[in-house]
C-alpha atoms as a PDB file:
ATOM      1  CA  MET A   1      12.289   0.851  12.197  1.00  0.00           C
ATOM      2  CA  ALA A   2      12.129   2.220   8.808  1.00  0.00           C
ATOM      3  CA  THR A   3       9.089   5.043   7.668  1.00  0.00           C
ATOM      4  CA  ALA A   4       6.976   3.920   4.836  1.00  0.00           C
ATOM      5  CA  VAL A   5       4.071   6.635   3.692  1.00  0.00           C
ATOM      6  CA  PRO A   6       1.223   4.610   2.042  1.00  0.00           C
ATOM      7  CA  ASP A   7      -1.096   6.245  -0.006  1.00  0.00           C
ATOM      8  CA  SER A   8      -4.929   4.812   0.211  1.00  0.00           C
ATOM      9  CA  SER A   9      -5.084   2.402  -2.785  1.00  0.00           C
ATOM     10  CA  ALA A  10      -2.037   0.673  -1.121  1.00  0.00           C
ATOM     11  CA  LEU A  11      -3.702   0.340   2.344  1.00  0.00           C
ATOM     12  CA  VAL A  12      -7.263  -1.110   0.714  1.00  0.00           C
ATOM     13  CA  SER A  13      -5.103  -3.393  -0.799  1.00  0.00           C
ATOM     14  CA  LEU A  14      -3.931  -4.824   2.147  1.00  0.00           C
ATOM     15  CA  GLY A  15      -6.444  -4.451   3.864  1.00  0.00           C
ATOM     16  CA  VAL A  16      -8.785  -6.345   1.632  1.00  0.00           C
ATOM     17  CA  VAL A  17      -7.347  -9.669   3.325  1.00  0.00           C
ATOM     18  CA  ALA A  18      -6.500  -8.435   6.665  1.00  0.00           C
ATOM     19  CA  GLY A  19      -7.593 -10.606   9.795  1.00  0.00           C
ATOM     20  CA  SER A  20      -7.005 -13.562   8.007  1.00  0.00           C
ATOM     21  CA  ASP A  21      -3.949 -16.294   9.300  1.00  0.00           C
ATOM     22  CA  LEU A  22      -2.155 -14.064   6.773  1.00  0.00           C
ATOM     23  CA  ASP A  23      -2.429 -10.738   7.492  1.00  0.00           C
ATOM     24  CA  PRO A  24       0.128  -8.632   5.348  1.00  0.00           C
ATOM     25  CA  LEU A  25      -1.422  -5.428   6.758  1.00  0.00           C
ATOM     26  CA  SER A  26      -0.378  -6.318  10.126  1.00  0.00           C
ATOM     27  CA  LEU A  27       2.916  -7.419   8.919  1.00  0.00           C
ATOM     28  CA  PHE A  28       3.019  -4.184   6.986  1.00  0.00           C
ATOM     29  CA  LEU A  29       2.582  -2.340  10.196  1.00  0.00           C
ATOM     30  CA  ASP A  30       5.346  -4.371  12.174  1.00  0.00           C
ATOM     31  CA  THR A  31       7.570  -4.056  10.098  1.00  0.00           C
ATOM     32  CA  TYR A  32       7.425  -0.049   9.408  1.00  0.00           C
ATOM     33  CA  ASP A  33       7.176   3.118  11.266  1.00  0.00           C
ATOM     34  CA  VAL A  34       3.890   4.092   9.341  1.00  0.00           C
ATOM     35  CA  VAL A  35       3.295   7.826   8.770  1.00  0.00           C
ATOM     36  CA  VAL A  36      -0.019   8.881   6.709  1.00  0.00           C
ATOM     37  CA  PRO A  37      -1.201  12.332   5.783  1.00  0.00           C
ATOM     38  CA  PRO A  38      -4.886  13.351   7.010  1.00  0.00           C
ATOM     39  CA  GLU A  39      -6.202  13.608   3.057  1.00  0.00           C
ATOM     40  CA  VAL A  40      -5.201   9.651   3.213  1.00  0.00           C
ATOM     41  CA  VAL A  41      -7.676   8.951   6.155  1.00  0.00           C
ATOM     42  CA  GLY A  42     -10.165  10.753   4.647  1.00  0.00           C
ATOM     43  CA  GLU A  43      -9.925   8.909   1.777  1.00  0.00           C
ATOM     44  CA  LEU A  44     -10.199   5.708   3.526  1.00  0.00           C
ATOM     45  CA  ARG A  45     -13.067   6.827   5.211  1.00  0.00           C
ATOM     46  CA  ASP A  46     -14.754   7.755   1.869  1.00  0.00           C
ATOM     47  CA  VAL A  47     -14.150   4.222   0.353  1.00  0.00           C
ATOM     48  CA  ALA A  48     -14.930   2.554   3.869  1.00  0.00           C
ATOM     49  CA  SER A  49     -18.666   3.937   3.266  1.00  0.00           C
ATOM     50  CA  TYR A  50     -18.923   1.667  -0.088  1.00  0.00           C
ATOM     51  CA  ASP A  51     -20.822  -2.038   1.105  1.00  0.00           C
ATOM     52  CA  ASP A  52     -17.563  -3.952  -0.841  1.00  0.00           C
ATOM     53  CA  ASP A  53     -14.725  -5.512  -0.727  1.00  0.00           C
ATOM     54  CA  HIS A  54     -12.909  -2.124  -0.726  1.00  0.00           C
ATOM     55  CA  GLY A  55     -14.923  -0.611   1.766  1.00  0.00           C
ATOM     56  CA  GLN A  56     -14.439  -3.903   3.961  1.00  0.00           C
ATOM     57  CA  GLY A  57     -10.344  -3.116   3.485  1.00  0.00           C
ATOM     58  CA  ALA A  58     -10.794   0.595   4.551  1.00  0.00           C
ATOM     59  CA  ARG A  59     -12.744  -0.415   7.094  1.00  0.00           C
ATOM     60  CA  ARG A  60     -10.123  -2.991   8.154  1.00  0.00           C
ATOM     61  CA  VAL A  61      -7.356  -0.424   7.879  1.00  0.00           C
ATOM     62  CA  LEU A  62      -9.376   2.269   9.822  1.00  0.00           C
ATOM     63  CA  ASP A  63      -9.802  -0.180  12.447  1.00  0.00           C
ATOM     64  CA  ARG A  64      -5.748  -0.450  13.349  1.00  0.00           C
ATOM     65  CA  ARG A  65      -5.960   3.635  12.844  1.00  0.00           C
ATOM     66  CA  ASP A  66      -3.698   3.656  16.214  1.00  0.00           C
ATOM     67  CA  ALA A  67      -0.949   1.649  14.182  1.00  0.00           C
ATOM     68  CA  LEU A  68      -1.046   4.988  11.987  1.00  0.00           C
ATOM     69  CA  THR A  69       0.996   8.394  12.814  1.00  0.00           C
ATOM     70  CA  THR A  70      -0.858  10.795  10.912  1.00  0.00           C
ATOM     71  CA  ARG A  71       1.249  13.995   9.971  1.00  0.00           C
ATOM     72  CA  ALA A  72      -0.143  16.965   7.716  1.00  0.00           C
ATOM     73  CA  VAL A  73       1.884  18.270   5.043  1.00  0.00           C
ATOM     74  CA  ALA A  74       1.858  21.148   2.257  1.00  0.00           C
ATOM     75  CA  LEU A  75       0.107  20.159  -0.843  1.00  0.00           C
ATOM     76  CA  ASP A  76       1.693  20.660  -4.193  1.00  0.00           C
ATOM     77  CA  SER A  77      -0.734  22.526  -6.189  1.00  0.00           C
ATOM     78  CA  ALA A  78       1.210  21.405  -9.653  1.00  0.00           C
ATOM     79  CA  PHE A  79       0.929  17.511  -8.745  1.00  0.00           C
ATOM     80  CA  PRO A  80      -1.595  16.060 -11.448  1.00  0.00           C
ATOM     81  CA  LEU A  81      -2.893  13.257  -9.359  1.00  0.00           C
ATOM     82  CA  ASP A  82      -5.908  13.392  -6.402  1.00  0.00           C
ATOM     83  CA  GLU A  83      -5.026  15.215  -3.044  1.00  0.00           C
ATOM     84  CA  GLY A  84      -4.145  11.550  -1.325  1.00  0.00           C
ATOM     85  CA  GLU A  85      -1.478  10.697  -3.719  1.00  0.00           C
ATOM     86  CA  ASN A  86      -0.096  14.805  -3.460  1.00  0.00           C
ATOM     87  CA  ALA A  87      -0.206  14.562   0.023  1.00  0.00           C
ATOM     88  CA  ALA A  88       1.400  11.054   0.741  1.00  0.00           C
ATOM     89  CA  VAL A  89       4.433  11.660  -1.920  1.00  0.00           C
ATOM     90  CA  SER A  90       5.118  15.056   0.024  1.00  0.00           C
ATOM     91  CA  LEU A  91       4.915  13.063   3.010  1.00  0.00           C
ATOM     92  CA  ALA A  92       7.629  10.580   1.887  1.00  0.00           C
ATOM     93  CA  ASN A  93       9.717  13.480   0.589  1.00  0.00           C
ATOM     94  CA  ASP A  94       9.593  15.143   3.635  1.00  0.00           C
ATOM     95  CA  THR A  95      10.048  12.466   6.213  1.00  0.00           C
ATOM     96  CA  ASP A  96      12.621  10.508   4.057  1.00  0.00           C
ATOM     97  CA  ALA A  97      10.803   7.995   3.885  1.00  0.00           C
ATOM     98  CA  ALA A  98      12.589   4.598   2.988  1.00  0.00           C
ATOM     99  CA  LEU A  99       9.501   3.496   1.212  1.00  0.00           C
ATOM    100  CA  PHE A 100       6.318   4.977  -0.708  1.00  0.00           C
ATOM    101  CA  LEU A 101       3.789   1.977  -0.996  1.00  0.00           C
ATOM    102  CA  CYS A 102       1.234   2.748  -3.752  1.00  0.00           C
ATOM    103  CA  ASP A 103      -1.180   0.448  -6.425  1.00  0.00           C
ATOM    104  CA  GLU A 104      -1.482   3.354  -8.374  1.00  0.00           C
ATOM    105  CA  PHE A 105      -0.529   1.477 -11.353  1.00  0.00           C
ATOM    106  CA  ASN A 106      -1.380   3.390 -14.390  1.00  0.00           C
ATOM    107  CA  GLN A 107       0.601   6.518 -12.647  1.00  0.00           C
ATOM    108  CA  LEU A 108       3.970   4.715 -11.479  1.00  0.00           C
ATOM    109  CA  GLY A 109       6.332   6.446 -13.460  1.00  0.00           C
ATOM    110  CA  LEU A 110       4.599   9.912 -12.418  1.00  0.00           C
ATOM    111  CA  ILE A 111       4.761   8.981  -8.715  1.00  0.00           C
ATOM    112  CA  HIS A 112       8.319   7.384  -9.025  1.00  0.00           C
ATOM    113  CA  ALA A 113       9.679  10.761 -10.715  1.00  0.00           C
ATOM    114  CA  SER A 114       8.107  12.684  -7.919  1.00  0.00           C
ATOM    115  CA  LEU A 115       9.713  11.049  -5.128  1.00  0.00           C
ATOM    116  CA  ALA A 116      13.278  12.396  -4.030  1.00  0.00           C
ATOM    117  CA  ASP A 117      15.297   9.558  -2.383  1.00  0.00           C
ATOM    118  CA  THR A 118      12.376   7.099  -1.319  1.00  0.00           C
ATOM    119  CA  ARG A 119      11.873   3.865  -2.681  1.00  0.00           C
ATOM    120  CA  LEU A 120       8.805   3.322  -4.952  1.00  0.00           C
ATOM    121  CA  VAL A 121       6.849  -0.168  -3.784  1.00  0.00           C
ATOM    122  CA  THR A 122       3.572  -1.692  -4.749  1.00  0.00           C
ATOM    123  CA  THR A 123       1.725  -4.286  -2.615  1.00  0.00           C
ATOM    124  CA  PRO A 124       2.806  -7.365  -4.748  1.00  0.00           C
ATOM    125  CA  THR A 125       6.828  -5.716  -4.209  1.00  0.00           C
ATOM    126  CA  LEU A 126       6.487  -5.530  -0.637  1.00  0.00           C
ATOM    127  CA  LEU A 127       4.814  -9.316  -0.725  1.00  0.00           C
ATOM    128  CA  SER A 128       8.105 -10.294  -1.994  1.00  0.00           C
ATOM    129  CA  MET A 129       9.935  -7.779   0.243  1.00  0.00           C
ATOM    130  CA  LEU A 130       8.172 -10.045   3.114  1.00  0.00           C
ATOM    131  CA  VAL A 131       9.277 -13.368   1.099  1.00  0.00           C
ATOM    132  CA  HIS A 132      12.898 -12.084   1.196  1.00  0.00           C
ATOM    133  CA  ASN A 133      12.781 -11.345   4.950  1.00  0.00           C
ATOM    134  CA  ASP A 134      11.426 -14.522   5.652  1.00  0.00           C
ATOM    135  CA  GLN A 135       8.234 -13.303   7.066  1.00  0.00           C
ATOM    136  CA  LEU A 136       5.949 -15.068   4.074  1.00  0.00           C
ATOM    137  CA  SER A 137       6.632 -17.982   2.439  1.00  0.00           C
ATOM    138  CA  PRO A 138       6.509 -17.857  -1.280  1.00  0.00           C
ATOM    139  CA  THR A 139       3.120 -20.038  -1.182  1.00  0.00           C
ATOM    140  CA  ALA A 140       1.635 -17.713   1.345  1.00  0.00           C
ATOM    141  CA  ALA A 141       2.351 -14.590  -0.551  1.00  0.00           C
ATOM    142  CA  VAL A 142       1.159 -16.479  -3.602  1.00  0.00           C
ATOM    143  CA  ALA A 143      -2.336 -17.169  -1.514  1.00  0.00           C
ATOM    144  CA  LEU A 144      -2.286 -13.603  -0.397  1.00  0.00           C
ATOM    145  CA  LEU A 145      -1.257 -11.828  -3.930  1.00  0.00           C
ATOM    146  CA  ASP A 146      -4.787 -14.231  -5.821  1.00  0.00           C
ATOM    147  CA  ASP A 147      -6.933 -12.695  -2.892  1.00  0.00           C
ATOM    148  CA  ILE A 148      -5.595  -9.225  -3.136  1.00  0.00           C
ATOM    149  CA  SER A 149      -5.957  -9.210  -7.146  1.00  0.00           C
ATOM    150  CA  THR A 150      -9.151 -11.233  -7.106  1.00  0.00           C
ATOM    151  CA  ALA A 151     -10.527  -8.069  -4.656  1.00  0.00           C
ATOM    152  CA  ARG A 152      -8.743  -5.475  -6.485  1.00  0.00           C
ATOM    153  CA  SER A 153      -9.297  -6.520 -10.304  1.00  0.00           C
ATOM    154  CA  TRP A 154      -5.629  -7.443 -10.686  1.00  0.00           C
ATOM    155  CA  SER A 155      -6.234 -10.558 -11.611  1.00  0.00           C
ATOM    156  CA  GLU A 156      -5.043  -9.930 -15.817  1.00  0.00           C
ATOM    157  CA  HIS A 157      -2.710  -7.684 -15.074  1.00  0.00           C
ATOM    158  CA  SER A 158       0.965  -8.062 -16.701  1.00  0.00           C
ATOM    159  CA  TYR A 159       2.580  -6.658 -13.556  1.00  0.00           C
ATOM    160  CA  VAL A 160       0.942  -8.304 -11.146  1.00  0.00           C
ATOM    161  CA  GLN A 161       1.612 -11.929 -13.227  1.00  0.00           C
ATOM    162  CA  ARG A 162       5.279 -11.536 -13.478  1.00  0.00           C
ATOM    163  CA  VAL A 163       5.382 -11.243  -9.989  1.00  0.00           C
ATOM    164  CA  ARG A 164       3.121 -14.154  -8.941  1.00  0.00           C
ATOM    165  CA  SER A 165       5.137 -16.215 -11.363  1.00  0.00           C
ATOM    166  CA  ARG A 166       8.329 -14.967  -9.551  1.00  0.00           C
ATOM    167  CA  PHE A 167       7.288 -16.595  -6.326  1.00  0.00           C
ATOM    168  CA  GLU A 168       6.008 -19.682  -7.783  1.00  0.00           C
ATOM    169  CA  GLN A 169       9.296 -20.114  -9.401  1.00  0.00           C
ATOM    170  CA  GLY A 170      10.910 -19.336  -5.971  1.00  0.00           C
END
């Protein structure tokens, strides 16, 4: 099974719709060996304290903690993002992960440049991959993307709209 390293933002995105008939968190955890640094777990605990969609998503991920492997990694003191992204990028590089799952849309260029040989994937792209691998139908992917977009305030984001239009075009 290929290794994937997600940051907390992507896990929260998957968690906001987890537990429904269409559960992208379970698909992700069943498809990849998911490894996270302790900093991501700490961020999930922080987010879980909120009484909103994000908090609920983080709690759903933490409820599945047994499906995550936690591995400590040294932080890059020069990395300009928070400790969660710093640790997750370092872990992806250290483990030669196949995927780095991240929804920090405003920082994707920096994160991409920081990854050695790991493919940077966002949640919308992960949904595309699940469609391509016949794990989700395009209709299901649109429904999930719409639900995630509503919870994460992505509805107006041009990147998300482009991915959505690809699902609709088949």
